[in-house]
N, C-alpha and C. Protein backbone atom coordinates (compact mmCIF):
# COMPACT_ATOMS: atom_id res chain seq x y z
N MET A 1 -9.10 -30.70 -24.68
CA MET A 1 -8.32 -29.65 -25.28
C MET A 1 -8.15 -28.51 -24.26
N THR A 2 -6.93 -28.03 -24.12
CA THR A 2 -6.66 -26.94 -23.19
C THR A 2 -6.42 -25.65 -23.96
N THR A 3 -6.74 -24.56 -23.33
CA THR A 3 -6.49 -23.27 -23.95
C THR A 3 -5.49 -22.51 -23.10
N THR A 4 -4.75 -21.64 -23.72
CA THR A 4 -3.78 -20.83 -22.99
C THR A 4 -4.22 -19.37 -23.03
N ALA A 5 -3.74 -18.64 -22.07
CA ALA A 5 -4.09 -17.22 -21.99
C ALA A 5 -3.37 -16.45 -23.09
N PRO A 6 -3.94 -15.38 -23.57
CA PRO A 6 -3.25 -14.56 -24.57
C PRO A 6 -1.94 -14.03 -24.02
N ASP A 7 -0.97 -13.79 -24.92
CA ASP A 7 0.35 -13.31 -24.51
C ASP A 7 0.28 -11.99 -23.75
N SER A 8 -0.64 -11.13 -24.09
CA SER A 8 -0.72 -9.84 -23.42
C SER A 8 -1.02 -10.00 -21.93
N VAL A 9 -1.80 -11.00 -21.58
CA VAL A 9 -2.11 -11.24 -20.18
C VAL A 9 -0.86 -11.73 -19.45
N ARG A 10 -0.14 -12.62 -20.07
CA ARG A 10 1.09 -13.12 -19.45
C ARG A 10 2.11 -12.01 -19.26
N LEU A 11 2.29 -11.15 -20.25
CA LEU A 11 3.25 -10.07 -20.15
C LEU A 11 2.87 -9.11 -19.03
N THR A 12 1.59 -8.83 -18.89
CA THR A 12 1.14 -7.94 -17.82
C THR A 12 1.45 -8.55 -16.47
N ALA A 13 1.22 -9.84 -16.31
CA ALA A 13 1.48 -10.50 -15.04
C ALA A 13 2.96 -10.49 -14.72
N ILE A 14 3.81 -10.65 -15.72
CA ILE A 14 5.25 -10.67 -15.49
C ILE A 14 5.74 -9.28 -15.07
N THR A 15 5.32 -8.23 -15.75
CA THR A 15 5.80 -6.90 -15.40
C THR A 15 5.23 -6.43 -14.07
N ALA A 16 4.07 -6.91 -13.67
CA ALA A 16 3.49 -6.49 -12.39
C ALA A 16 4.31 -7.00 -11.21
N THR A 17 5.02 -8.13 -11.38
CA THR A 17 5.82 -8.68 -10.29
C THR A 17 7.27 -8.23 -10.37
N ASP A 18 7.65 -7.50 -11.41
CA ASP A 18 9.01 -7.02 -11.59
C ASP A 18 9.27 -5.89 -10.59
N PRO A 19 10.27 -6.04 -9.69
CA PRO A 19 10.52 -5.01 -8.69
C PRO A 19 10.85 -3.64 -9.29
N GLU A 20 11.47 -3.61 -10.45
CA GLU A 20 11.80 -2.36 -11.09
C GLU A 20 10.55 -1.60 -11.53
N GLU A 21 9.46 -2.30 -11.77
CA GLU A 21 8.24 -1.69 -12.26
C GLU A 21 7.23 -1.40 -11.15
N SER A 22 7.50 -1.83 -9.92
CA SER A 22 6.53 -1.61 -8.86
C SER A 22 6.52 -0.12 -8.48
N PRO A 23 5.34 0.43 -8.20
CA PRO A 23 5.25 1.86 -7.91
C PRO A 23 5.85 2.22 -6.56
N LEU A 24 6.41 3.41 -6.48
CA LEU A 24 6.95 3.91 -5.22
C LEU A 24 5.87 4.54 -4.37
N LEU A 25 4.87 5.12 -5.03
CA LEU A 25 3.77 5.78 -4.34
C LEU A 25 2.46 5.12 -4.72
N LEU A 26 1.59 4.96 -3.74
CA LEU A 26 0.29 4.35 -3.97
C LEU A 26 -0.82 5.35 -3.67
N THR A 27 -1.95 5.18 -4.33
CA THR A 27 -3.12 5.95 -3.94
C THR A 27 -3.60 5.41 -2.60
N VAL A 28 -4.49 6.15 -1.96
CA VAL A 28 -5.01 5.69 -0.67
C VAL A 28 -5.74 4.36 -0.85
N GLU A 29 -6.48 4.23 -1.93
CA GLU A 29 -7.22 2.98 -2.19
C GLU A 29 -6.26 1.82 -2.42
N GLU A 30 -5.17 2.05 -3.18
CA GLU A 30 -4.19 0.99 -3.41
C GLU A 30 -3.50 0.58 -2.11
N ALA A 31 -3.17 1.57 -1.28
CA ALA A 31 -2.53 1.28 0.01
C ALA A 31 -3.46 0.46 0.89
N ALA A 32 -4.75 0.82 0.90
CA ALA A 32 -5.73 0.06 1.70
C ALA A 32 -5.82 -1.38 1.20
N ARG A 33 -5.85 -1.57 -0.11
CA ARG A 33 -5.91 -2.93 -0.66
C ARG A 33 -4.66 -3.71 -0.29
N LYS A 34 -3.50 -3.06 -0.32
CA LYS A 34 -2.25 -3.73 0.02
C LYS A 34 -2.25 -4.20 1.48
N LEU A 35 -2.85 -3.38 2.38
CA LEU A 35 -2.95 -3.77 3.78
C LEU A 35 -4.17 -4.64 4.06
N ARG A 36 -5.02 -4.79 3.06
CA ARG A 36 -6.27 -5.55 3.18
C ARG A 36 -7.19 -4.98 4.24
N ILE A 37 -7.32 -3.64 4.20
CA ILE A 37 -8.25 -2.94 5.08
C ILE A 37 -9.16 -2.08 4.21
N CYS A 38 -10.21 -1.54 4.80
CA CYS A 38 -11.12 -0.70 4.02
C CYS A 38 -10.52 0.69 3.84
N ARG A 39 -11.03 1.39 2.85
CA ARG A 39 -10.55 2.72 2.52
C ARG A 39 -10.73 3.69 3.69
N THR A 40 -11.85 3.59 4.39
CA THR A 40 -12.12 4.47 5.52
C THR A 40 -11.08 4.27 6.62
N ARG A 41 -10.72 3.03 6.89
CA ARG A 41 -9.71 2.73 7.90
C ARG A 41 -8.35 3.29 7.48
N MET A 42 -8.04 3.22 6.18
CA MET A 42 -6.78 3.75 5.68
C MET A 42 -6.73 5.26 5.88
N TYR A 43 -7.83 5.95 5.60
CA TYR A 43 -7.88 7.39 5.83
C TYR A 43 -7.71 7.71 7.31
N HIS A 44 -8.24 6.87 8.19
CA HIS A 44 -8.06 7.07 9.63
C HIS A 44 -6.58 6.94 10.00
N LEU A 45 -5.90 5.94 9.46
CA LEU A 45 -4.47 5.75 9.74
C LEU A 45 -3.66 6.95 9.26
N LEU A 46 -4.05 7.52 8.13
CA LEU A 46 -3.37 8.70 7.61
C LEU A 46 -3.64 9.93 8.48
N LYS A 47 -4.90 10.09 8.88
CA LYS A 47 -5.29 11.25 9.69
C LYS A 47 -4.59 11.26 11.05
N THR A 48 -4.46 10.08 11.65
CA THR A 48 -3.83 9.98 12.97
C THR A 48 -2.31 9.96 12.89
N GLY A 49 -1.76 9.87 11.68
CA GLY A 49 -0.31 9.87 11.52
C GLY A 49 0.33 8.52 11.70
N GLU A 50 -0.48 7.48 11.83
CA GLU A 50 0.09 6.13 11.98
C GLU A 50 0.77 5.67 10.69
N VAL A 51 0.28 6.16 9.57
CA VAL A 51 0.90 5.91 8.27
C VAL A 51 1.14 7.28 7.65
N GLU A 52 2.36 7.51 7.17
CA GLU A 52 2.69 8.79 6.56
C GLU A 52 2.25 8.81 5.10
N SER A 53 2.00 10.02 4.62
CA SER A 53 1.63 10.19 3.22
C SER A 53 2.13 11.54 2.76
N THR A 54 1.99 11.80 1.48
CA THR A 54 2.42 13.06 0.91
C THR A 54 1.40 13.55 -0.10
N LEU A 55 1.43 14.83 -0.38
CA LEU A 55 0.57 15.38 -1.41
C LEU A 55 1.40 15.70 -2.64
N ILE A 56 0.88 15.34 -3.78
CA ILE A 56 1.45 15.75 -5.06
C ILE A 56 0.33 16.50 -5.75
N GLY A 57 0.46 17.81 -5.75
CA GLY A 57 -0.66 18.63 -6.20
C GLY A 57 -1.78 18.48 -5.20
N ARG A 58 -2.94 18.01 -5.67
CA ARG A 58 -4.06 17.76 -4.77
C ARG A 58 -4.27 16.27 -4.53
N SER A 59 -3.35 15.46 -5.00
CA SER A 59 -3.48 14.00 -4.86
C SER A 59 -2.66 13.48 -3.70
N ARG A 60 -3.29 12.75 -2.81
CA ARG A 60 -2.59 12.14 -1.67
C ARG A 60 -2.00 10.81 -2.11
N ARG A 61 -0.72 10.60 -1.78
CA ARG A 61 -0.04 9.36 -2.13
C ARG A 61 0.65 8.80 -0.89
N VAL A 62 0.70 7.48 -0.82
CA VAL A 62 1.31 6.79 0.31
C VAL A 62 2.56 6.06 -0.19
N PRO A 63 3.75 6.44 0.31
CA PRO A 63 4.96 5.72 -0.07
C PRO A 63 4.90 4.27 0.42
N VAL A 64 5.35 3.37 -0.41
CA VAL A 64 5.34 1.95 -0.07
C VAL A 64 6.14 1.70 1.21
N GLU A 65 7.24 2.43 1.39
CA GLU A 65 8.06 2.25 2.58
C GLU A 65 7.28 2.56 3.86
N CYS A 66 6.36 3.51 3.79
CA CYS A 66 5.56 3.87 4.96
C CYS A 66 4.62 2.73 5.36
N LEU A 67 4.14 1.98 4.39
CA LEU A 67 3.31 0.81 4.71
C LEU A 67 4.17 -0.24 5.41
N HIS A 68 5.39 -0.44 4.93
CA HIS A 68 6.30 -1.39 5.57
C HIS A 68 6.62 -0.96 7.00
N GLU A 69 6.87 0.34 7.20
CA GLU A 69 7.14 0.85 8.55
C GLU A 69 5.95 0.62 9.48
N TYR A 70 4.74 0.85 8.98
CA TYR A 70 3.54 0.66 9.79
C TYR A 70 3.42 -0.81 10.22
N VAL A 71 3.63 -1.72 9.29
CA VAL A 71 3.53 -3.15 9.62
C VAL A 71 4.64 -3.54 10.59
N ASN A 72 5.84 -3.04 10.38
CA ASN A 72 6.94 -3.35 11.30
C ASN A 72 6.66 -2.82 12.70
N ASN A 73 6.05 -1.63 12.80
CA ASN A 73 5.68 -1.09 14.11
C ASN A 73 4.62 -1.96 14.78
N LEU A 74 3.66 -2.44 13.99
CA LEU A 74 2.65 -3.34 14.55
C LEU A 74 3.30 -4.60 15.11
N LEU A 75 4.21 -5.18 14.34
CA LEU A 75 4.88 -6.40 14.77
C LEU A 75 5.75 -6.16 16.00
N ALA A 76 6.42 -5.03 16.05
CA ALA A 76 7.30 -4.71 17.19
C ALA A 76 6.50 -4.48 18.47
N ASN A 77 5.27 -4.04 18.33
CA ASN A 77 4.44 -3.75 19.50
C ASN A 77 3.44 -4.86 19.79
N GLY A 78 3.70 -6.04 19.32
CA GLY A 78 2.82 -7.17 19.59
C GLY A 78 1.44 -7.02 18.98
N GLY A 79 1.35 -6.35 17.84
CA GLY A 79 0.07 -6.18 17.17
C GLY A 79 -0.72 -4.99 17.65
N GLN A 80 -0.20 -4.25 18.64
CA GLN A 80 -0.88 -3.08 19.15
C GLN A 80 -0.36 -1.83 18.46
N ARG A 81 -1.28 -0.92 18.16
CA ARG A 81 -0.89 0.33 17.55
C ARG A 81 -0.18 1.20 18.58
N GLN A 82 0.72 2.03 18.10
CA GLN A 82 1.37 2.98 18.98
C GLN A 82 0.43 4.14 19.22
N LYS A 83 0.42 4.64 20.43
CA LYS A 83 -0.36 5.83 20.74
C LYS A 83 0.38 7.03 20.17
N THR A 84 -0.34 7.86 19.44
CA THR A 84 0.29 9.05 18.88
C THR A 84 0.07 10.23 19.82
N VAL A 85 1.09 11.05 19.95
CA VAL A 85 1.01 12.23 20.80
C VAL A 85 0.63 13.41 19.93
N ALA A 86 -0.49 14.04 20.25
CA ALA A 86 -0.96 15.17 19.44
C ALA A 86 -0.56 16.49 20.05
């Protein structure tokens, strides 16, 4: 006998993959999970300016587009980070 998942679980999975429902801004922890790096490393990328972020009130958020730009820069530079000029 097989069992199926409750409908609420299926609906959640469907809406999570819907592009219209995907968030535009991520928390630092969510951004780190998306890049599959640790939170500390994500804060380092933000501090050095390798990944852009914004403040909303006192909350730091990372635009999804900035994660895509960071990955594209990595790919364009053969996996090497760009040196930032301070």
